[in-house]
Every structure is written in C-alpha cells, then in structure tokens.
PDB file of N, CA and C in Angstrom:
ATOM      1  N   MET A   1     113.784  99.224 104.160  1.00  0.00           N
ATOM      2  CA  MET A   1     115.067  98.719 104.562  1.00  0.00           C
ATOM      3  C   MET A   1     115.916  99.881 105.082  1.00  0.00           C
ATOM      4  N   THR A   2     116.492  99.671 106.226  1.00  0.00           N
ATOM      5  CA  THR A   2     117.238 100.748 106.873  1.00  0.00           C
ATOM      6  C   THR A   2     118.747 100.529 106.856  1.00  0.00           C
ATOM      7  N   LYS A   3     119.196  99.412 106.289  1.00  0.00           N
ATOM      8  CA  LYS A   3     120.619  99.060 106.255  1.00  0.00           C
ATOM      9  C   LYS A   3     121.180  98.860 107.657  1.00  0.00           C
ATOM     10  N   ARG A   4     120.284  98.544 108.596  1.00  0.00           N
ATOM     11  CA  ARG A   4     120.690  98.234 109.969  1.00  0.00           C
ATOM     12  C   ARG A   4     120.027  96.930 110.373  1.00  0.00           C
ATOM     13  N   VAL A   5     120.631  96.246 111.321  1.00  0.00           N
ATOM     14  CA  VAL A   5     119.997  95.068 111.897  1.00  0.00           C
ATOM     15  C   VAL A   5     118.869  95.556 112.796  1.00  0.00           C
ATOM     16  N   GLU A   6     117.677  95.025 112.571  1.00  0.00           N
ATOM     17  CA  GLU A   6     116.525  95.422 113.369  1.00  0.00           C
ATOM     18  C   GLU A   6     115.835  94.192 113.924  1.00  0.00           C
ATOM     19  N   GLU A   7     115.226  94.352 115.066  1.00  0.00           N
ATOM     20  CA  GLU A   7     114.464  93.268 115.672  1.00  0.00           C
ATOM     21  C   GLU A   7     113.235  92.976 114.822  1.00  0.00           C
ATOM     22  N   PHE A   8     112.971  91.683 114.624  1.00  0.00           N
ATOM     23  CA  PHE A   8     111.765  91.291 113.899  1.00  0.00           C
ATOM     24  C   PHE A   8     110.586  91.340 114.859  1.00  0.00           C
ATOM     25  N   ILE A   9     109.589  92.132 114.519  1.00  0.00           N
ATOM     26  CA  ILE A   9     108.370  92.227 115.321  1.00  0.00           C
ATOM     27  C   ILE A   9     107.208  91.851 114.407  1.00  0.00           C
ATOM     28  N   PRO A  10     106.580  90.700 114.666  1.00  0.00           N
ATOM     29  CA  PRO A  10     105.490  90.267 113.783  1.00  0.00           C
ATOM     30  C   PRO A  10     104.278  91.185 113.877  1.00  0.00           C
ATOM     31  N   GLN A  11     103.536  91.279 112.777  1.00  0.00           N
ATOM     32  CA  GLN A  11     102.323  92.095 112.762  1.00  0.00           C
ATOM     33  C   GLN A  11     101.274  91.527 113.705  1.00  0.00           C
ATOM     34  N   ARG A  12     101.208  90.209 113.769  1.00  0.00           N
ATOM     35  CA  ARG A  12     100.300  89.536 114.706  1.00  0.00           C
ATOM     36  C   ARG A  12     101.157  88.787 115.719  1.00  0.00           C
ATOM     37  N   GLU A  13     100.871  89.008 116.976  1.00  0.00           N
ATOM     38  CA  GLU A  13     101.676  88.397 118.025  1.00  0.00           C
ATOM     39  C   GLU A  13     101.688  86.877 117.886  1.00  0.00           C
ATOM     40  N   GLY A  14     102.887  86.309 117.907  1.00  0.00           N
ATOM     41  CA  GLY A  14     103.045  84.860 117.864  1.00  0.00           C
ATOM     42  C   GLY A  14     102.916  84.240 116.483  1.00  0.00           C
ATOM     43  N   GLU A  15     102.735  85.074 115.451  1.00  0.00           N
ATOM     44  CA  GLU A  15     102.553  84.553 114.094  1.00  0.00           C
ATOM     45  C   GLU A  15     103.473  85.275 113.111  1.00  0.00           C
ATOM     46  N   ALA A  16     103.869  84.546 112.087  1.00  0.00           N
ATOM     47  CA  ALA A  16     104.612  85.152 110.981  1.00  0.00           C
ATOM     48  C   ALA A  16     104.042  84.605 109.683  1.00  0.00           C
ATOM     49  N   ARG A  17     103.786  85.516 108.763  1.00  0.00           N
ATOM     50  CA  ARG A  17     103.281  85.111 107.446  1.00  0.00           C
ATOM     51  C   ARG A  17     104.311  85.540 106.404  1.00  0.00           C
ATOM     52  N   VAL A  18     104.694  84.574 105.563  1.00  0.00           N
ATOM     53  CA  VAL A  18     105.772  84.805 104.606  1.00  0.00           C
ATOM     54  C   VAL A  18     105.330  84.339 103.222  1.00  0.00           C
ATOM     55  N   TYR A  19     105.595  85.166 102.215  1.00  0.00           N
ATOM     56  CA  TYR A  19     105.356  84.779 100.821  1.00  0.00           C
ATOM     57  C   TYR A  19     106.702  84.623 100.133  1.00  0.00           C
ATOM     58  N   VAL A  20     106.850  83.524  99.406  1.00  0.00           N
ATOM     59  CA  VAL A  20     108.068  83.265  98.647  1.00  0.00           C
ATOM     60  C   VAL A  20     107.686  83.041  97.189  1.00  0.00           C
ATOM     61  N   CYS A  21     108.342  83.752  96.301  1.00  0.00           N
ATOM     62  CA  CYS A  21     108.115  83.541  94.871  1.00  0.00           C
ATOM     63  C   CYS A  21     108.769  82.220  94.487  1.00  0.00           C
ATOM     64  N   GLY A  22     107.945  81.259  94.132  1.00  0.00           N
ATOM     65  CA  GLY A  22     108.436  79.932  93.785  1.00  0.00           C
ATOM     66  C   GLY A  22     108.806  79.818  92.319  1.00  0.00           C
ATOM     67  N   PRO A  23     109.036  78.586  91.868  1.00  0.00           N
ATOM     68  CA  PRO A  23     109.520  78.379  90.503  1.00  0.00           C
ATOM     69  C   PRO A  23     108.431  78.497  89.441  1.00  0.00           C
ATOM     70  N   THR A  24     108.867  78.849  88.246  1.00  0.00           N
ATOM     71  CA  THR A  24     108.039  78.672  87.058  1.00  0.00           C
ATOM     72  C   THR A  24     108.375  77.273  86.564  1.00  0.00           C
ATOM     73  N   ILE A  25     107.378  76.403  86.560  1.00  0.00           N
ATOM     74  CA  ILE A  25     107.660  74.984  86.351  1.00  0.00           C
ATOM     75  C   ILE A  25     107.554  74.596  84.870  1.00  0.00           C
ATOM     76  N   TYR A  26     108.546  75.105  84.108  1.00  0.00           N
ATOM     77  CA  TYR A  26     108.657  74.782  82.687  1.00  0.00           C
ATOM     78  C   TYR A  26     109.973  74.073  82.387  1.00  0.00           C
ATOM     79  N   ASN A  27     110.832  73.968  83.402  1.00  0.00           N
ATOM     80  CA  ASN A  27     112.127  73.328  83.251  1.00  0.00           C
ATOM     81  C   ASN A  27     112.614  72.938  84.640  1.00  0.00           C
ATOM     82  N   PHE A  28     113.731  72.239  84.694  1.00  0.00           N
ATOM     83  CA  PHE A  28     114.292  71.853  85.980  1.00  0.00           C
ATOM     84  C   PHE A  28     114.902  73.077  86.654  1.00  0.00           C
ATOM     85  N   ALA A  29     114.724  73.184  87.960  1.00  0.00           N
ATOM     86  CA  ALA A  29     115.328  74.282  88.717  1.00  0.00           C
ATOM     87  C   ALA A  29     116.838  74.051  88.792  1.00  0.00           C
ATOM     88  N   HIS A  30     117.601  75.134  88.855  1.00  0.00           N
ATOM     89  CA  HIS A  30     119.058  75.034  88.925  1.00  0.00           C
ATOM     90  C   HIS A  30     119.552  75.625  90.245  1.00  0.00           C
ATOM     91  N   VAL A  31     120.850  75.545  90.462  1.00  0.00           N
ATOM     92  CA  VAL A  31     121.424  75.960  91.740  1.00  0.00           C
ATOM     93  C   VAL A  31     121.115  77.427  92.043  1.00  0.00           C
ATOM     94  N   GLY A  32     121.069  78.273  91.031  1.00  0.00           N
ATOM     95  CA  GLY A  32     120.720  79.678  91.250  1.00  0.00           C
ATOM     96  C   GLY A  32     119.310  79.840  91.779  1.00  0.00           C
ATOM     97  N   ASN A  33     118.373  79.028  91.252  1.00  0.00           N
ATOM     98  CA  ASN A  33     117.002  79.046  91.767  1.00  0.00           C
ATOM     99  C   ASN A  33     116.977  78.578  93.215  1.00  0.00           C
ATOM    100  N   PHE A  34     117.690  77.487  93.475  1.00  0.00           N
ATOM    101  CA  PHE A  34     117.622  76.887  94.806  1.00  0.00           C
ATOM    102  C   PHE A  34     118.292  77.733  95.874  1.00  0.00           C
ATOM    103  N   ARG A  35     119.138  78.654  95.491  1.00  0.00           N
ATOM    104  CA  ARG A  35     119.729  79.565  96.478  1.00  0.00           C
ATOM    105  C   ARG A  35     118.619  80.302  97.229  1.00  0.00           C
ATOM    106  N   ALA A  36     117.631  80.793  96.498  1.00  0.00           N
ATOM    107  CA  ALA A  36     116.516  81.510  97.126  1.00  0.00           C
ATOM    108  C   ALA A  36     115.679  80.578  97.992  1.00  0.00           C
ATOM    109  N   TYR A  37     115.472  79.334  97.542  1.00  0.00           N
ATOM    110  CA  TYR A  37     114.625  78.404  98.289  1.00  0.00           C
ATOM    111  C   TYR A  37     115.325  77.915  99.560  1.00  0.00           C
ATOM    112  N   VAL A  38     116.646  77.766  99.501  1.00  0.00           N
ATOM    113  CA  VAL A  38     117.405  77.404 100.706  1.00  0.00           C
ATOM    114  C   VAL A  38     117.319  78.547 101.720  1.00  0.00           C
ATOM    115  N   PHE A  39     117.436  79.791 101.253  1.00  0.00           N
ATOM    116  CA  PHE A  39     117.311  80.927 102.160  1.00  0.00           C
ATOM    117  C   PHE A  39     115.920  80.975 102.782  1.00  0.00           C
ATOM    118  N   SER A  40     114.875  80.770 101.983  1.00  0.00           N
ATOM    119  CA  SER A  40     113.516  80.824 102.537  1.00  0.00           C
ATOM    120  C   SER A  40     113.301  79.694 103.539  1.00  0.00           C
ATOM    121  N   ASP A  41     113.945  78.544 103.304  1.00  0.00           N
ATOM    122  CA  ASP A  41     113.867  77.437 104.262  1.00  0.00           C
ATOM    123  C   ASP A  41     114.542  77.829 105.575  1.00  0.00           C
ATOM    124  N   LEU A  42     115.677  78.478 105.483  1.00  0.00           N
ATOM    125  CA  LEU A  42     116.383  78.945 106.682  1.00  0.00           C
ATOM    126  C   LEU A  42     115.516  79.928 107.467  1.00  0.00           C
ATOM    127  N   LEU A  43     114.890  80.855 106.771  1.00  0.00           N
ATOM    128  CA  LEU A  43     114.000  81.817 107.424  1.00  0.00           C
ATOM    129  C   LEU A  43     112.821  81.107 108.083  1.00  0.00           C
ATOM    130  N   HIS A  44     112.216  80.168 107.388  1.00  0.00           N
ATOM    131  CA  HIS A  44     111.081  79.395 107.904  1.00  0.00           C
ATOM    132  C   HIS A  44     111.469  78.679 109.205  1.00  0.00           C
ATOM    133  N   ARG A  45     112.617  78.021 109.173  1.00  0.00           N
ATOM    134  CA  ARG A  45     113.093  77.290 110.364  1.00  0.00           C
ATOM    135  C   ARG A  45     113.396  78.247 111.520  1.00  0.00           C
ATOM    136  N   TRP A  46     114.012  79.393 111.204  1.00  0.00           N
ATOM    137  CA  TRP A  46     114.361  80.352 112.249  1.00  0.00           C
ATOM    138  C   TRP A  46     113.108  80.898 112.918  1.00  0.00           C
ATOM    139  N   LEU A  47     112.104  81.240 112.123  1.00  0.00           N
ATOM    140  CA  LEU A  47     110.858  81.762 112.690  1.00  0.00           C
ATOM    141  C   LEU A  47     110.196  80.726 113.594  1.00  0.00           C
ATOM    142  N   LYS A  48     110.181  79.465 113.162  1.00  0.00           N
ATOM    143  CA  LYS A  48     109.610  78.402 114.005  1.00  0.00           C
ATOM    144  C   LYS A  48     110.439  78.225 115.274  1.00  0.00           C
ATOM    145  N   HIS A  49     111.758  78.289 115.132  1.00  0.00           N
ATOM    146  CA  HIS A  49     112.650  78.164 116.290  1.00  0.00           C
ATOM    147  C   HIS A  49     112.381  79.268 117.317  1.00  0.00           C
ATOM    148  N   LYS A  50     112.020  80.449 116.840  1.00  0.00           N
ATOM    149  CA  LYS A  50     111.710  81.566 117.729  1.00  0.00           C
ATOM    150  C   LYS A  50     110.332  81.430 118.367  1.00  0.00           C
ATOM    151  N   GLY A  51     109.631  80.324 118.050  1.00  0.00           N
ATOM    152  CA  GLY A  51     108.344  80.062 118.679  1.00  0.00           C
ATOM    153  C   GLY A  51     107.144  80.634 117.949  1.00  0.00           C
ATOM    154  N   LEU A  52     107.347  81.109 116.740  1.00  0.00           N
ATOM    155  CA  LEU A  52     106.235  81.682 115.988  1.00  0.00           C
ATOM    156  C   LEU A  52     105.478  80.603 115.216  1.00  0.00           C
ATOM    157  N   LYS A  53     104.197  80.808 115.094  1.00  0.00           N
ATOM    158  CA  LYS A  53     103.385  79.978 114.209  1.00  0.00           C
ATOM    159  C   LYS A  53     103.578  80.568 112.814  1.00  0.00           C
ATOM    160  N   VAL A  54     104.098  79.770 111.890  1.00  0.00           N
ATOM    161  CA  VAL A  54     104.463  80.281 110.574  1.00  0.00           C
ATOM    162  C   VAL A  54     103.468  79.818 109.517  1.00  0.00           C
ATOM    163  N   MET A  55     103.038  80.765 108.695  1.00  0.00           N
ATOM    164  CA  MET A  55     102.265  80.453 107.492  1.00  0.00           C
ATOM    165  C   MET A  55     103.105  80.956 106.323  1.00  0.00           C
ATOM    166  N   GLN A  56     103.797  80.021 105.691  1.00  0.00           N
ATOM    167  CA  GLN A  56     104.626  80.389 104.546  1.00  0.00           C
ATOM    168  C   GLN A  56     103.986  79.829 103.284  1.00  0.00           C
ATOM    169  N   VAL A  57     103.890  80.668 102.282  1.00  0.00           N
ATOM    170  CA  VAL A  57     103.276  80.309 101.006  1.00  0.00           C
ATOM    171  C   VAL A  57     104.314  80.490  99.908  1.00  0.00           C
ATOM    172  N   MET A  58     104.442  79.479  99.050  1.00  0.00           N
ATOM    173  CA  MET A  58     105.322  79.570  97.886  1.00  0.00           C
ATOM    174  C   MET A  58     104.495  79.254  96.648  1.00  0.00           C
ATOM    175  N   ASN A  59     104.392  80.232  95.763  1.00  0.00           N
ATOM    176  CA  ASN A  59     103.603  79.994  94.553  1.00  0.00           C
ATOM    177  C   ASN A  59     104.349  79.100  93.570  1.00  0.00           C
ATOM    178  N   LEU A  60     103.591  78.401  92.754  1.00  0.00           N
ATOM    179  CA  LEU A  60     104.138  77.636  91.636  1.00  0.00           C
ATOM    180  C   LEU A  60     103.516  78.221  90.370  1.00  0.00           C
ATOM    181  N   THR A  61     104.344  78.806  89.518  1.00  0.00           N
ATOM    182  CA  THR A  61     103.831  79.389  88.279  1.00  0.00           C
ATOM    183  C   THR A  61     103.744  78.283  87.240  1.00  0.00           C
ATOM    184  N   ASP A  62     102.520  77.811  87.028  1.00  0.00           N
ATOM    185  CA  ASP A  62     102.301  76.697  86.099  1.00  0.00           C
ATOM    186  C   ASP A  62     101.633  77.142  84.810  1.00  0.00           C
ATOM    187  N   VAL A  63     101.537  78.443  84.603  1.00  0.00           N
ATOM    188  CA  VAL A  63     101.067  78.967  83.318  1.00  0.00           C
ATOM    189  C   VAL A  63     101.718  80.327  83.080  1.00  0.00           C
ATOM    190  N   ASP A  64     102.434  80.420  81.997  1.00  0.00           N
ATOM    191  CA  ASP A  64     103.016  81.677  81.526  1.00  0.00           C
ATOM    192  C   ASP A  64     103.497  81.435  80.101  1.00  0.00           C
ATOM    193  N   ASP A  65     104.145  82.416  79.513  1.00  0.00           N
ATOM    194  CA  ASP A  65     104.588  82.278  78.123  1.00  0.00           C
ATOM    195  C   ASP A  65     105.476  81.052  77.915  1.00  0.00           C
ATOM    196  N   LYS A  66     106.390  80.813  78.861  1.00  0.00           N
ATOM    197  CA  LYS A  66     107.340  79.702  78.705  1.00  0.00           C
ATOM    198  C   LYS A  66     106.661  78.344  78.841  1.00  0.00           C
ATOM    199  N   THR A  67     105.775  78.211  79.830  1.00  0.00           N
ATOM    200  CA  THR A  67     105.103  76.915  80.009  1.00  0.00           C
ATOM    201  C   THR A  67     104.215  76.606  78.812  1.00  0.00           C
ATOM    202  N   ILE A  68     103.520  77.619  78.317  1.00  0.00           N
ATOM    203  CA  ILE A  68     102.639  77.419  77.158  1.00  0.00           C
ATOM    204  C   ILE A  68     103.472  77.084  75.920  1.00  0.00           C
ATOM    205  N   ARG A  69     104.515  77.875  75.685  1.00  0.00           N
ATOM    206  CA  ARG A  69     105.387  77.655  74.517  1.00  0.00           C
ATOM    207  C   ARG A  69     105.973  76.245  74.509  1.00  0.00           C
ATOM    208  N   ASP A  70     106.554  75.844  75.643  1.00  0.00           N
ATOM    209  CA  ASP A  70     107.246  74.560  75.677  1.00  0.00           C
ATOM    210  C   ASP A  70     106.291  73.373  75.669  1.00  0.00           C
ATOM    211  N   SER A  71     105.125  73.516  76.281  1.00  0.00           N
ATOM    212  CA  SER A  71     104.152  72.413  76.224  1.00  0.00           C
ATOM    213  C   SER A  71     103.636  72.248  74.797  1.00  0.00           C
ATOM    214  N   GLN A  72     103.452  73.358  74.088  1.00  0.00           N
ATOM    215  CA  GLN A  72     103.008  73.280  72.691  1.00  0.00           C
ATOM    216  C   GLN A  72     104.093  72.683  71.800  1.00  0.00           C
ATOM    217  N   LYS A  73     105.357  73.048  72.053  1.00  0.00           N
ATOM    218  CA  LYS A  73     106.471  72.471  71.286  1.00  0.00           C
ATOM    219  C   LYS A  73     106.500  70.953  71.422  1.00  0.00           C
ATOM    220  N   GLN A  74     106.208  70.473  72.647  1.00  0.00           N
ATOM    221  CA  GLN A  74     106.224  69.032  72.901  1.00  0.00           C
ATOM    222  C   GLN A  74     104.902  68.365  72.543  1.00  0.00           C
ATOM    223  N   GLY A  75     103.896  69.170  72.244  1.00  0.00           N
ATOM    224  CA  GLY A  75     102.605  68.621  71.849  1.00  0.00           C
ATOM    225  C   GLY A  75     101.864  67.908  72.964  1.00  0.00           C
ATOM    226  N   ILE A  76     102.046  68.390  74.191  1.00  0.00           N
ATOM    227  CA  ILE A  76     101.339  67.775  75.326  1.00  0.00           C
ATOM    228  C   ILE A  76     100.555  68.847  76.083  1.00  0.00           C
ATOM    229  N   PRO A  77      99.494  68.435  76.781  1.00  0.00           N
ATOM    230  CA  PRO A  77      98.703  69.407  77.545  1.00  0.00           C
ATOM    231  C   PRO A  77      99.555  70.115  78.604  1.00  0.00           C
ATOM    232  N   LEU A  78      99.232  71.369  78.844  1.00  0.00           N
ATOM    233  CA  LEU A  78      99.981  72.188  79.795  1.00  0.00           C
ATOM    234  C   LEU A  78     100.085  71.528  81.164  1.00  0.00           C
ATOM    235  N   LYS A  79      98.987  71.018  81.686  1.00  0.00           N
ATOM    236  CA  LYS A  79      98.988  70.405  83.024  1.00  0.00           C
ATOM    237  C   LYS A  79      99.971  69.241  83.090  1.00  0.00           C
ATOM    238  N   ARG A  80      99.941  68.381  82.089  1.00  0.00           N
ATOM    239  CA  ARG A  80     100.851  67.229  82.082  1.00  0.00           C
ATOM    240  C   ARG A  80     102.303  67.696  81.954  1.00  0.00           C
ATOM    241  N   PHE A  81     102.514  68.721  81.144  1.00  0.00           N
ATOM    242  CA  PHE A  81     103.861  69.265  80.955  1.00  0.00           C
ATOM    243  C   PHE A  81     104.433  69.783  82.275  1.00  0.00           C
ATOM    244  N   THR A  82     103.662  70.595  82.995  1.00  0.00           N
ATOM    245  CA  THR A  82     104.176  71.207  84.227  1.00  0.00           C
ATOM    246  C   THR A  82     104.273  70.218  85.381  1.00  0.00           C
ATOM    247  N   GLU A  83     103.447  69.180  85.387  1.00  0.00           N
ATOM    248  CA  GLU A  83     103.499  68.189  86.476  1.00  0.00           C
ATOM    249  C   GLU A  83     104.876  67.541  86.576  1.00  0.00           C
ATOM    250  N   ARG A  84     105.513  67.306  85.445  1.00  0.00           N
ATOM    251  CA  ARG A  84     106.852  66.695  85.435  1.00  0.00           C
ATOM    252  C   ARG A  84     107.847  67.562  86.205  1.00  0.00           C
ATOM    253  N   TYR A  85     107.831  68.850  85.925  1.00  0.00           N
ATOM    254  CA  TYR A  85     108.792  69.756  86.559  1.00  0.00           C
ATOM    255  C   TYR A  85     108.419  70.072  88.003  1.00  0.00           C
ATOM    256  N   GLU A  86     107.138  70.059  88.305  1.00  0.00           N
ATOM    257  CA  GLU A  86     106.706  70.220  89.699  1.00  0.00           C
ATOM    258  C   GLU A  86     107.218  69.055  90.538  1.00  0.00           C
ATOM    259  N   LYS A  87     107.043  67.840  90.028  1.00  0.00           N
ATOM    260  CA  LYS A  87     107.519  66.641  90.738  1.00  0.00           C
ATOM    261  C   LYS A  87     109.035  66.717  90.943  1.00  0.00           C
ATOM    262  N   ALA A  88     109.764  67.091  89.906  1.00  0.00           N
ATOM    263  CA  ALA A  88     111.221  67.200  90.003  1.00  0.00           C
ATOM    264  C   ALA A  88     111.627  68.270  91.013  1.00  0.00           C
ATOM    265  N   PHE A  89     110.897  69.382  91.047  1.00  0.00           N
ATOM    266  CA  PHE A  89     111.198  70.450  91.998  1.00  0.00           C
ATOM    267  C   PHE A  89     111.105  69.935  93.434  1.00  0.00           C
ATOM    268  N   PHE A  90     110.030  69.232  93.755  1.00  0.00           N
ATOM    269  CA  PHE A  90     109.870  68.724  95.120  1.00  0.00           C
ATOM    270  C   PHE A  90     110.880  67.622  95.441  1.00  0.00           C
ATOM    271  N   GLU A  91     111.227  66.809  94.461  1.00  0.00           N
ATOM    272  CA  GLU A  91     112.271  65.798  94.679  1.00  0.00           C
ATOM    273  C   GLU A  91     113.605  66.473  94.989  1.00  0.00           C
ATOM    274  N   ASP A  92     113.919  67.541  94.261  1.00  0.00           N
ATOM    275  CA  ASP A  92     115.155  68.281  94.518  1.00  0.00           C
ATOM    276  C   ASP A  92     115.121  68.962  95.886  1.00  0.00           C
ATOM    277  N   CYS A  93     113.973  69.522  96.258  1.00  0.00           N
ATOM    278  CA  CYS A  93     113.832  70.120  97.593  1.00  0.00           C
ATOM    279  C   CYS A  93     114.107  69.075  98.668  1.00  0.00           C
ATOM    280  N   ASP A  94     113.530  67.890  98.488  1.00  0.00           N
ATOM    281  CA  ASP A  94     113.744  66.810  99.456  1.00  0.00           C
ATOM    282  C   ASP A  94     115.220  66.420  99.521  1.00  0.00           C
ATOM    283  N   ALA A  95     115.870  66.331  98.364  1.00  0.00           N
ATOM    284  CA  ALA A  95     117.286  65.958  98.330  1.00  0.00           C
ATOM    285  C   ALA A  95     118.156  66.990  99.041  1.00  0.00           C
ATOM    286  N   LEU A  96     117.743  68.247  98.997  1.00  0.00           N
ATOM    287  CA  LEU A  96     118.486  69.319  99.664  1.00  0.00           C
ATOM    288  C   LEU A  96     118.079  69.507 101.128  1.00  0.00           C
ATOM    289  N   GLY A  97     117.080  68.753 101.576  1.00  0.00           N
ATOM    290  CA  GLY A  97     116.629  68.868 102.962  1.00  0.00           C
ATOM    291  C   GLY A  97     115.782  70.099 103.216  1.00  0.00           C
ATOM    292  N   ILE A  98     115.192  70.657 102.176  1.00  0.00           N
ATOM    293  CA  ILE A  98     114.337  71.831 102.329  1.00  0.00           C
ATOM    294  C   ILE A  98     112.975  71.370 102.833  1.00  0.00           C
ATOM    295  N   GLU A  99     112.554  71.927 103.970  1.00  0.00           N
ATOM    296  CA  GLU A  99     111.255  71.565 104.543  1.00  0.00           C
ATOM    297  C   GLU A  99     110.125  72.127 103.695  1.00  0.00           C
ATOM    298  N   ARG A 100     109.021  71.404 103.663  1.00  0.00           N
ATOM    299  CA  ARG A 100     107.842  71.881 102.937  1.00  0.00           C
ATOM    300  C   ARG A 100     107.211  73.045 103.697  1.00  0.00           C
ATOM    301  N   VAL A 101     106.729  74.024 102.937  1.00  0.00           N
ATOM    302  CA  VAL A 101     106.018  75.143 103.548  1.00  0.00           C
ATOM    303  C   VAL A 101     104.544  74.775 103.661  1.00  0.00           C
ATOM    304  N   GLU A 102     103.763  75.672 104.192  1.00  0.00           N
ATOM    305  CA  GLU A 102     102.365  75.355 104.494  1.00  0.00           C
ATOM    306  C   GLU A 102     101.471  75.290 103.252  1.00  0.00           C
ATOM    307  N   ARG A 103     101.753  76.111 102.240  1.00  0.00           N
ATOM    308  CA  ARG A 103     100.884  76.120 101.048  1.00  0.00           C
ATOM    309  C   ARG A 103     101.699  76.368  99.788  1.00  0.00           C
ATOM    310  N   TYR A 104     101.278  75.694  98.714  1.00  0.00           N
ATOM    311  CA  TYR A 104     101.881  75.864  97.387  1.00  0.00           C
ATOM    312  C   TYR A 104     100.777  76.135  96.369  1.00  0.00           C
ATOM    313  N   PRO A 105     100.228  77.327  96.331  1.00  0.00           N
ATOM    314  CA  PRO A 105      99.186  77.608  95.338  1.00  0.00           C
ATOM    315  C   PRO A 105      99.783  77.685  93.930  1.00  0.00           C
ATOM    316  N   LYS A 106      99.002  77.219  92.976  1.00  0.00           N
ATOM    317  CA  LYS A 106      99.419  77.288  91.571  1.00  0.00           C
ATOM    318  C   LYS A 106      98.722  78.469  90.902  1.00  0.00           C
ATOM    319  N   ALA A 107      99.395  79.051  89.939  1.00  0.00           N
ATOM    320  CA  ALA A 107      98.815  80.183  89.208  1.00  0.00           C
ATOM    321  C   ALA A 107      97.483  79.803  88.573  1.00  0.00           C
ATOM    322  N   THR A 108      97.392  78.594  88.022  1.00  0.00           N
ATOM    323  CA  THR A 108      96.154  78.181  87.350  1.00  0.00           C
ATOM    324  C   THR A 108      94.976  78.065  88.305  1.00  0.00           C
ATOM    325  N   GLU A 109      95.241  77.998  89.590  1.00  0.00           N
ATOM    326  CA  GLU A 109      94.164  77.923  90.580  1.00  0.00           C
ATOM    327  C   GLU A 109      93.604  79.314  90.921  1.00  0.00           C
ATOM    328  N   HIS A 110      94.246  80.357  90.412  1.00  0.00           N
ATOM    329  CA  HIS A 110      93.870  81.720  90.802  1.00  0.00           C
ATOM    330  C   HIS A 110      93.774  82.680  89.619  1.00  0.00           C
ATOM    331  N   ILE A 111      93.457  82.164  88.458  1.00  0.00           N
ATOM    332  CA  ILE A 111      93.360  83.002  87.254  1.00  0.00           C
ATOM    333  C   ILE A 111      92.301  84.092  87.425  1.00  0.00           C
ATOM    334  N   GLN A 112      91.120  83.722  87.908  1.00  0.00           N
ATOM    335  CA  GLN A 112      90.043  84.712  88.044  1.00  0.00           C
ATOM    336  C   GLN A 112      90.433  85.850  88.984  1.00  0.00           C
ATOM    337  N   GLU A 113      91.109  85.524  90.087  1.00  0.00           N
ATOM    338  CA  GLU A 113      91.538  86.564  91.017  1.00  0.00           C
ATOM    339  C   GLU A 113      92.566  87.493  90.364  1.00  0.00           C
ATOM    340  N   MET A 114      93.476  86.921  89.562  1.00  0.00           N
ATOM    341  CA  MET A 114      94.486  87.740  88.889  1.00  0.00           C
ATOM    342  C   MET A 114      93.835  88.671  87.871  1.00  0.00           C
ATOM    343  N   VAL A 115      92.876  88.160  87.131  1.00  0.00           N
ATOM    344  CA  VAL A 115      92.161  88.991  86.155  1.00  0.00           C
ATOM    345  C   VAL A 115      91.443  90.131  86.872  1.00  0.00           C
ATOM    346  N   ALA A 116      90.798  89.823  87.990  1.00  0.00           N
ATOM    347  CA  ALA A 116      90.085  90.854  88.753  1.00  0.00           C
ATOM    348  C   ALA A 116      91.049  91.937  89.251  1.00  0.00           C
ATOM    349  N   LEU A 117      92.242  91.544  89.695  1.00  0.00           N
ATOM    350  CA  LEU A 117      93.229  92.527  90.151  1.00  0.00           C
ATOM    351  C   LEU A 117      93.666  93.448  89.020  1.00  0.00           C
ATOM    352  N   VAL A 118      93.848  92.890  87.842  1.00  0.00           N
ATOM    353  CA  VAL A 118      94.288  93.689  86.701  1.00  0.00           C
ATOM    354  C   VAL A 118      93.201  94.670  86.274  1.00  0.00           C
ATOM    355  N   LYS A 119      91.951  94.273  86.430  1.00  0.00           N
ATOM    356  CA  LYS A 119      90.835  95.126  86.019  1.00  0.00           C
ATOM    357  C   LYS A 119      90.601  96.302  86.961  1.00  0.00           C
ATOM    358  N   THR A 120      91.107  96.237  88.187  1.00  0.00           N
ATOM    359  CA  THR A 120      90.859  97.319  89.143  1.00  0.00           C
ATOM    360  C   THR A 120      91.886  98.422  89.036  1.00  0.00           C
TER     361      THR A 120
END
C-alpha cells in the first residue's frame, strides 16, 4: 500500500481474482459483518463494470471452536447447526441486494489441504 490512488492493473489481462474472508457461521451476521460484504460486493460490481471477468471467492467457516462449542451446547450435529446460519446469511445478503460471488467454499470441504499447509 502506497497511500496513493493507483491504477488497478490485473495480473492476468481481462481477469480479476478476489478472495473475501466470509462469515463464521455459528451465529447471525450483524451490521458490522455486512459492512465488509457490502464493500466486497461494490468491488465485485466495479470490476465487472470495467469489463473484467471476475472470479471472486468467499469462504464460509463452518468449523472452528465457536461452531463446535455451540453445536455441542445445542446437542445437534455440526453440519445441521451451521446450515441454519448459512441459510440466514444468504437470506440477509439477498435482502441487502448483495450479488452472489462465483464460489463459496466451506472450511469442512478443505480440511486435508489445511492440514497439509500446516505440516509444511
């Protein structure tokens, strides 16, 4: 960061790839959370408006200390516990007019890759 306005030049001509840290789905998202998602939506729209092919990915953290703790407190399986908050998150995104990004990988879908990264 240079503290100056700079022209955006994509690494690959005509394409932009963006990663957004998404919610930990153990509770309902609040306005502070959605501030970041509204900004990422604005960026996504701007990049498309500039004619770029956009690949934006937002992770969903569906396993961590909080999701495990709260699912155990409620006595329900982790997957069922997080599905409720995932559904609510997307309903709230829709209510705010936030466009869907291209991919929403879940942490539980990539456990082996995360373990491999930690081991290296």
